Each structure stands twice: as C-alpha cells, then as structure tokens.
Amino acid sequence: MAPLQSSINLIRTKTGTSPQLDAIETSLRRTGYVGVVGFLCVSLVCAVIYILFNQSKQNLQSSKRNLINEVTGDAKKEGLFVSIKNRTFIVGNAMQNQRPWADLLDRINIFVPAGSLTDIVVDDQDKISLSMNVSSFEALLQVVNAIITQTQSNHLVNPQLTSIQIQANGGILASVTFFAVF
C-alpha cells in the first residue's frame, strides 16, 4: 500500500499586510508601551506624594498630641499659679489691714491690773471690749482713770463703761468698750 499523503492546505496561513497597517500597528505598540510606562511613572509619583503626605499627617498628629499633653500639664501648673496669685492678693490685703495689736495689748496691761483681765473681744469695726474682774471699787476707779488718761493722750477713742456687777465675794465684774488709735 501506498503511504497516505498529508493533506495540503491551500489557504495561506499568513496574509500579507500593507505597509501602512504595519506602520500603524508599530505606532500603536509604541504608544501602548509609552502609555504603560507613563501610567507606571504617574502611579509611582502619586504613590510617593501619598506616602509623603501621609507621613506629614502622622507627624502633625503626633505633634498635636504632644502639644495637647503639654497644654494639659501646663493647665495644672497655671491653676496652681492662679491660686497662689489669689492667695498672695488675700495675704497682701491682710497685711495692709494688719494692726499693731501687740502695742494695744501692752497699753491694756498698763491700765488693767495683772490677773484681772478675763476677756478681750475685737469686732469688725475694731471696737474692743474688755471684761475684767477687779477686787474693789478703788481698783475699778484706777482702771477708769487710766482709761481717761489714755483717751486724753489720743491712744483710745470713745471709751464706755458698759457694765458693772458686784459679786457675792465682793469682787467686781466690769466691761469696758473703746476704739484703739493705731
């Protein structure tokens, strides 16, 4: 038997193209490559810009957190400074309105016999009330004369003998009010 021959294909597998189509095809391929390379370059630039902006945003947020923490810490300090300032103002006012009470107490010891003073009260208008327990009218008369002398020397103003009580043992409880001159 005779070998079978392969079949012959009469249709051309490759068709000829015109030179214009070949030029257009080459141009499109180049344009495609350039487009892909351009797209990759633009994507790379956008990615770099995004990364830079994202890092800048994170740095700013970190800086914001640090500044908020500093302000919070400084707010506590400022509160302490304000309270100290207010207290300083109060102490300053108290020091301006401070009276030399030690001199007044020395002056009271001059005209009140030792051991007979029972109470000293000073009110808001600096009115001084003394309560004393003296042994006799003569001792009370000496106190009254000493108060009159202090008033004449302008150390006391408006003295008043407000009460006198005679006790069962013969002692006398007396109350005197006056304003001191500082």
C-alpha atoms as a PDB file:
ATOM      1  CA  MET A   1       0.000   0.000   0.000  1.00  0.00           C
ATOM      2  CA  ALA A   2       0.959   3.428  -0.633  1.00  0.00           C
ATOM      3  CA  PRO A   3       1.527   5.870   2.111  1.00  0.00           C
ATOM      4  CA  LEU A   4      -1.094   8.479   2.591  1.00  0.00           C
ATOM      5  CA  GLN A   5      -0.010  11.857   1.815  1.00  0.00           C
ATOM      6  CA  SER A   6      -0.699  14.691   4.128  1.00  0.00           C
ATOM      7  CA  SER A   7      -3.355  16.916   3.128  1.00  0.00           C
ATOM      8  CA  ILE A   8      -2.322  20.139   1.590  1.00  0.00           C
ATOM      9  CA  ASN A   9      -3.778  23.389   2.898  1.00  0.00           C
ATOM     10  CA  LEU A  10      -4.322  25.804   0.139  1.00  0.00           C
ATOM     11  CA  ILE A  11      -5.337  28.665   2.414  1.00  0.00           C
ATOM     12  CA  ARG A  12      -2.468  30.907   3.294  1.00  0.00           C
ATOM     13  CA  THR A  13      -1.757  30.981   6.980  1.00  0.00           C
ATOM     14  CA  LYS A  14      -0.244  34.390   6.875  1.00  0.00           C
ATOM     15  CA  THR A  15      -1.838  37.086   4.966  1.00  0.00           C
ATOM     16  CA  GLY A  16       0.159  39.953   3.742  1.00  0.00           C
ATOM     17  CA  THR A  17      -0.425  43.321   5.289  1.00  0.00           C
ATOM     18  CA  SER A  18       0.014  46.609   3.764  1.00  0.00           C
ATOM     19  CA  PRO A  19       2.942  48.778   4.830  1.00  0.00           C
ATOM     20  CA  GLN A  20       0.531  51.421   6.156  1.00  0.00           C
ATOM     21  CA  LEU A  21      -1.106  48.933   8.507  1.00  0.00           C
ATOM     22  CA  ASP A  22       2.303  47.751   9.646  1.00  0.00           C
ATOM     23  CA  ALA A  23       3.272  51.373  10.438  1.00  0.00           C
ATOM     24  CA  ILE A  24       0.032  51.938  12.326  1.00  0.00           C
ATOM     25  CA  GLU A  25       0.472  48.671  14.253  1.00  0.00           C
ATOM     26  CA  THR A  26       4.045  49.597  15.203  1.00  0.00           C
ATOM     27  CA  SER A  27       2.923  53.055  16.194  1.00  0.00           C
ATOM     28  CA  LEU A  28       0.122  51.638  18.363  1.00  0.00           C
ATOM     29  CA  ARG A  29       2.536  49.228  20.047  1.00  0.00           C
ATOM     30  CA  ARG A  30       4.933  52.065  20.832  1.00  0.00           C
ATOM     31  CA  THR A  31       2.049  54.206  22.061  1.00  0.00           C
ATOM     32  CA  GLY A  32       0.892  51.322  24.263  1.00  0.00           C
ATOM     33  CA  TYR A  33       4.375  50.888  25.731  1.00  0.00           C
ATOM     34  CA  VAL A  34       4.726  54.618  26.260  1.00  0.00           C
ATOM     35  CA  GLY A  35       1.238  54.711  27.825  1.00  0.00           C
ATOM     36  CA  VAL A  36       2.046  51.853  30.208  1.00  0.00           C
ATOM     37  CA  VAL A  37       5.401  53.392  31.145  1.00  0.00           C
ATOM     38  CA  GLY A  38       3.721  56.803  31.594  1.00  0.00           C
ATOM     39  CA  PHE A  39       0.962  55.240  33.716  1.00  0.00           C
ATOM     40  CA  LEU A  40       3.550  53.484  35.872  1.00  0.00           C
ATOM     41  CA  CYS A  41       5.522  56.723  36.267  1.00  0.00           C
ATOM     42  CA  VAL A  42       2.421  58.746  37.203  1.00  0.00           C
ATOM     43  CA  SER A  43       1.369  55.969  39.613  1.00  0.00           C
ATOM     44  CA  LEU A  44       4.836  55.966  41.168  1.00  0.00           C
ATOM     45  CA  VAL A  45       4.811  59.768  41.581  1.00  0.00           C
ATOM     46  CA  CYS A  46       1.304  59.635  43.094  1.00  0.00           C
ATOM     47  CA  ALA A  47       2.400  56.868  45.477  1.00  0.00           C
ATOM     48  CA  VAL A  48       5.456  58.878  46.585  1.00  0.00           C
ATOM     49  CA  ILE A  49       3.316  62.009  47.105  1.00  0.00           C
ATOM     50  CA  TYR A  50       0.747  59.981  49.073  1.00  0.00           C
ATOM     51  CA  ILE A  51       3.455  58.496  51.284  1.00  0.00           C
ATOM     52  CA  LEU A  52       4.970  61.938  51.912  1.00  0.00           C
ATOM     53  CA  PHE A  53       1.587  63.486  52.746  1.00  0.00           C
ATOM     54  CA  ASN A  54       0.682  60.544  54.972  1.00  0.00           C
ATOM     55  CA  GLN A  55       3.980  60.845  56.887  1.00  0.00           C
ATOM     56  CA  SER A  56       3.458  64.594  57.208  1.00  0.00           C
ATOM     57  CA  LYS A  57      -0.078  63.988  58.507  1.00  0.00           C
ATOM     58  CA  GLN A  58       1.187  61.440  61.056  1.00  0.00           C
ATOM     59  CA  ASN A  59       3.938  63.824  62.177  1.00  0.00           C
ATOM     60  CA  LEU A  60       1.407  66.628  62.606  1.00  0.00           C
ATOM     61  CA  GLN A  61      -0.955  64.372  64.563  1.00  0.00           C
ATOM     62  CA  SER A  62       1.910  63.260  66.795  1.00  0.00           C
ATOM     63  CA  SER A  63       2.926  66.882  67.298  1.00  0.00           C
ATOM     64  CA  LYS A  64      -0.695  67.775  68.081  1.00  0.00           C
ATOM     65  CA  ARG A  65      -0.915  65.022  70.713  1.00  0.00           C
ATOM     66  CA  ASN A  66       2.355  66.213  72.288  1.00  0.00           C
ATOM     67  CA  LEU A  67       1.172  69.814  72.350  1.00  0.00           C
ATOM     68  CA  ILE A  68      -2.180  68.821  73.867  1.00  0.00           C
ATOM     69  CA  ASN A  69      -0.328  66.883  76.569  1.00  0.00           C
ATOM     70  CA  GLU A  70       1.920  69.876  77.250  1.00  0.00           C
ATOM     71  CA  VAL A  71      -1.058  72.237  77.453  1.00  0.00           C
ATOM     72  CA  THR A  72      -2.844  69.822  79.795  1.00  0.00           C
ATOM     73  CA  GLY A  73       0.244  69.653  82.007  1.00  0.00           C
ATOM     74  CA  ASP A  74       0.649  73.419  81.896  1.00  0.00           C
ATOM     75  CA  ALA A  75      -3.028  73.916  82.761  1.00  0.00           C
ATOM     76  CA  LYS A  76      -2.404  72.258  86.120  1.00  0.00           C
ATOM     77  CA  LYS A  77       0.613  74.485  86.713  1.00  0.00           C
ATOM     78  CA  GLU A  78      -1.352  77.551  85.651  1.00  0.00           C
ATOM     79  CA  GLY A  79      -4.123  76.614  88.060  1.00  0.00           C
ATOM     80  CA  LEU A  80      -1.586  76.425  90.857  1.00  0.00           C
ATOM     81  CA  PHE A  81      -0.077  79.766  89.827  1.00  0.00           C
ATOM     82  CA  VAL A  82      -3.522  81.405  89.756  1.00  0.00           C
ATOM     83  CA  SER A  83      -4.393  80.040  93.198  1.00  0.00           C
ATOM     84  CA  ILE A  84      -1.039  81.257  94.547  1.00  0.00           C
ATOM     85  CA  LYS A  85      -1.655  84.653  92.964  1.00  0.00           C
ATOM     86  CA  ASN A  86      -5.120  84.862  94.558  1.00  0.00           C
ATOM     87  CA  ARG A  87      -3.722  83.829  97.921  1.00  0.00           C
ATOM     88  CA  THR A  88      -0.945  86.390  97.589  1.00  0.00           C
ATOM     89  CA  PHE A  89      -3.565  89.050  96.940  1.00  0.00           C
ATOM     90  CA  ILE A  90      -5.507  87.960 100.051  1.00  0.00           C
ATOM     91  CA  VAL A  91      -2.350  87.907 102.168  1.00  0.00           C
ATOM     92  CA  GLY A  92      -1.398  91.345 100.811  1.00  0.00           C
ATOM     93  CA  ASN A  93      -4.791  92.732 101.813  1.00  0.00           C
ATOM     94  CA  ALA A  94      -4.474  91.134 105.240  1.00  0.00           C
ATOM     95  CA  MET A  95      -1.013  92.621 105.689  1.00  0.00           C
ATOM     96  CA  GLN A  96      -2.240  96.078 104.634  1.00  0.00           C
ATOM     97  CA  ASN A  97      -5.099  95.913 107.130  1.00  0.00           C
ATOM     98  CA  GLN A  98      -2.975  94.445 109.887  1.00  0.00           C
ATOM     99  CA  ARG A  99      -2.990  96.428 113.097  1.00  0.00           C
ATOM    100  CA  PRO A 100      -0.232  96.547 115.693  1.00  0.00           C
ATOM    101  CA  TRP A 101      -2.212  94.558 118.253  1.00  0.00           C
ATOM    102  CA  ALA A 102       0.864  93.909 120.372  1.00  0.00           C
ATOM    103  CA  ASP A 103       1.118  97.640 121.187  1.00  0.00           C
ATOM    104  CA  LEU A 104      -2.566  97.696 122.119  1.00  0.00           C
ATOM    105  CA  LEU A 105      -2.170  94.692 124.423  1.00  0.00           C
ATOM    106  CA  ASP A 106       0.807  96.383 126.085  1.00  0.00           C
ATOM    107  CA  ARG A 107      -1.296  99.518 126.539  1.00  0.00           C
ATOM    108  CA  ILE A 108      -4.156  97.468 128.053  1.00  0.00           C
ATOM    109  CA  ASN A 109      -1.708  95.864 130.505  1.00  0.00           C
ATOM    110  CA  ILE A 110      -0.817  99.385 131.659  1.00  0.00           C
ATOM    111  CA  PHE A 111      -4.301 100.231 132.915  1.00  0.00           C
ATOM    112  CA  VAL A 112      -5.742  96.806 133.800  1.00  0.00           C
ATOM    113  CA  PRO A 113      -4.312  95.186 136.948  1.00  0.00           C
ATOM    114  CA  ALA A 114      -2.393  91.971 136.359  1.00  0.00           C
ATOM    115  CA  GLY A 115      -4.590  88.838 136.529  1.00  0.00           C
ATOM    116  CA  SER A 116      -7.880  90.718 136.450  1.00  0.00           C
ATOM    117  CA  LEU A 117      -8.475  90.674 132.650  1.00  0.00           C
ATOM    118  CA  THR A 118     -10.941  87.893 131.796  1.00  0.00           C
ATOM    119  CA  ASP A 119     -11.895  88.572 128.162  1.00  0.00           C
ATOM    120  CA  ILE A 120     -10.883  90.682 125.143  1.00  0.00           C
ATOM    121  CA  VAL A 121     -13.138  90.895 122.064  1.00  0.00           C
ATOM    122  CA  VAL A 122     -12.483  92.844 118.844  1.00  0.00           C
ATOM    123  CA  ASP A 123     -15.364  93.233 116.356  1.00  0.00           C
ATOM    124  CA  ASP A 124     -15.390  94.083 112.625  1.00  0.00           C
ATOM    125  CA  GLN A 125     -15.184  97.839 113.230  1.00  0.00           C
ATOM    126  CA  ASP A 126     -12.149  97.374 115.540  1.00  0.00           C
ATOM    127  CA  LYS A 127     -14.262  98.083 118.619  1.00  0.00           C
ATOM    128  CA  ILE A 128     -12.532  96.492 121.600  1.00  0.00           C
ATOM    129  CA  SER A 129     -14.489  95.089 124.542  1.00  0.00           C
ATOM    130  CA  LEU A 130     -12.678  94.246 127.774  1.00  0.00           C
ATOM    131  CA  SER A 131     -14.102  92.226 130.633  1.00  0.00           C
ATOM    132  CA  MET A 132     -12.251  92.282 133.915  1.00  0.00           C
ATOM    133  CA  ASN A 133     -12.662  91.021 137.426  1.00  0.00           C
ATOM    134  CA  VAL A 134     -11.261  93.550 139.911  1.00  0.00           C
ATOM    135  CA  SER A 135     -11.192  93.190 143.678  1.00  0.00           C
ATOM    136  CA  SER A 136     -12.724  96.541 144.698  1.00  0.00           C
ATOM    137  CA  PHE A 137     -14.232  99.833 143.548  1.00  0.00           C
ATOM    138  CA  GLU A 138     -10.887 101.517 144.160  1.00  0.00           C
ATOM    139  CA  ALA A 139      -9.201  99.136 141.667  1.00  0.00           C
ATOM    140  CA  LEU A 140     -12.029  99.806 139.181  1.00  0.00           C
ATOM    141  CA  LEU A 141     -11.610 103.567 139.722  1.00  0.00           C
ATOM    142  CA  GLN A 142      -7.866 103.261 138.967  1.00  0.00           C
ATOM    143  CA  VAL A 143      -8.713 101.421 135.701  1.00  0.00           C
ATOM    144  CA  VAL A 144     -11.243 104.122 134.729  1.00  0.00           C
ATOM    145  CA  ASN A 145      -8.703 106.899 135.475  1.00  0.00           C
ATOM    146  CA  ALA A 146      -6.039 105.095 133.393  1.00  0.00           C
ATOM    147  CA  ILE A 147      -8.535 104.779 130.512  1.00  0.00           C
ATOM    148  CA  ILE A 148      -9.303 108.512 130.744  1.00  0.00           C
ATOM    149  CA  THR A 149      -5.561 109.256 130.648  1.00  0.00           C
ATOM    150  CA  GLN A 150      -5.145 107.048 127.582  1.00  0.00           C
ATOM    151  CA  THR A 151      -8.095 108.825 125.931  1.00  0.00           C
ATOM    152  CA  GLN A 152      -6.595 112.254 126.638  1.00  0.00           C
ATOM    153  CA  SER A 153      -3.275 111.152 125.110  1.00  0.00           C
ATOM    154  CA  ASN A 154      -5.213 110.015 121.974  1.00  0.00           C
ATOM    155  CA  HIS A 155      -4.460 106.304 122.358  1.00  0.00           C
ATOM    156  CA  LEU A 156      -8.119 105.363 122.907  1.00  0.00           C
ATOM    157  CA  VAL A 157     -11.333 106.802 121.443  1.00  0.00           C
ATOM    158  CA  ASN A 158     -14.887 106.734 122.786  1.00  0.00           C
ATOM    159  CA  PRO A 159     -14.371 104.625 125.942  1.00  0.00           C
ATOM    160  CA  GLN A 160     -17.536 103.416 127.673  1.00  0.00           C
ATOM    161  CA  LEU A 161     -18.042 101.543 130.893  1.00  0.00           C
ATOM    162  CA  THR A 162     -20.801  99.203 129.687  1.00  0.00           C
ATOM    163  CA  SER A 163     -21.483  97.065 132.765  1.00  0.00           C
ATOM    164  CA  ILE A 164     -20.618  96.667 136.427  1.00  0.00           C
ATOM    165  CA  GLN A 165     -21.608  93.640 138.521  1.00  0.00           C
ATOM    166  CA  ILE A 166     -20.900  93.142 142.173  1.00  0.00           C
ATOM    167  CA  GLN A 167     -20.253  89.533 143.073  1.00  0.00           C
ATOM    168  CA  ALA A 168     -21.111  87.770 146.321  1.00  0.00           C
ATOM    169  CA  ASN A 169     -17.436  87.620 147.338  1.00  0.00           C
ATOM    170  CA  GLY A 170     -17.115  91.403 146.940  1.00  0.00           C
ATOM    171  CA  GLY A 171     -15.311  91.322 143.635  1.00  0.00           C
ATOM    172  CA  ILE A 172     -16.494  93.450 140.737  1.00  0.00           C
ATOM    173  CA  LEU A 173     -17.030  92.314 137.137  1.00  0.00           C
ATOM    174  CA  ALA A 174     -16.756  95.253 134.736  1.00  0.00           C
ATOM    175  CA  SER A 175     -16.937  95.609 130.969  1.00  0.00           C
ATOM    176  CA  VAL A 176     -15.354  98.460 129.020  1.00  0.00           C
ATOM    177  CA  THR A 177     -15.558  99.199 125.289  1.00  0.00           C
ATOM    178  CA  PHE A 178     -13.408 101.588 123.243  1.00  0.00           C
ATOM    179  CA  PHE A 179     -11.766 102.114 119.874  1.00  0.00           C
ATOM    180  CA  ALA A 180      -7.981 101.983 119.701  1.00  0.00           C
ATOM    181  CA  VAL A 181      -5.939 104.516 117.753  1.00  0.00           C
ATOM    182  CA  PHE A 182      -3.187 102.764 115.779  1.00  0.00           C
END
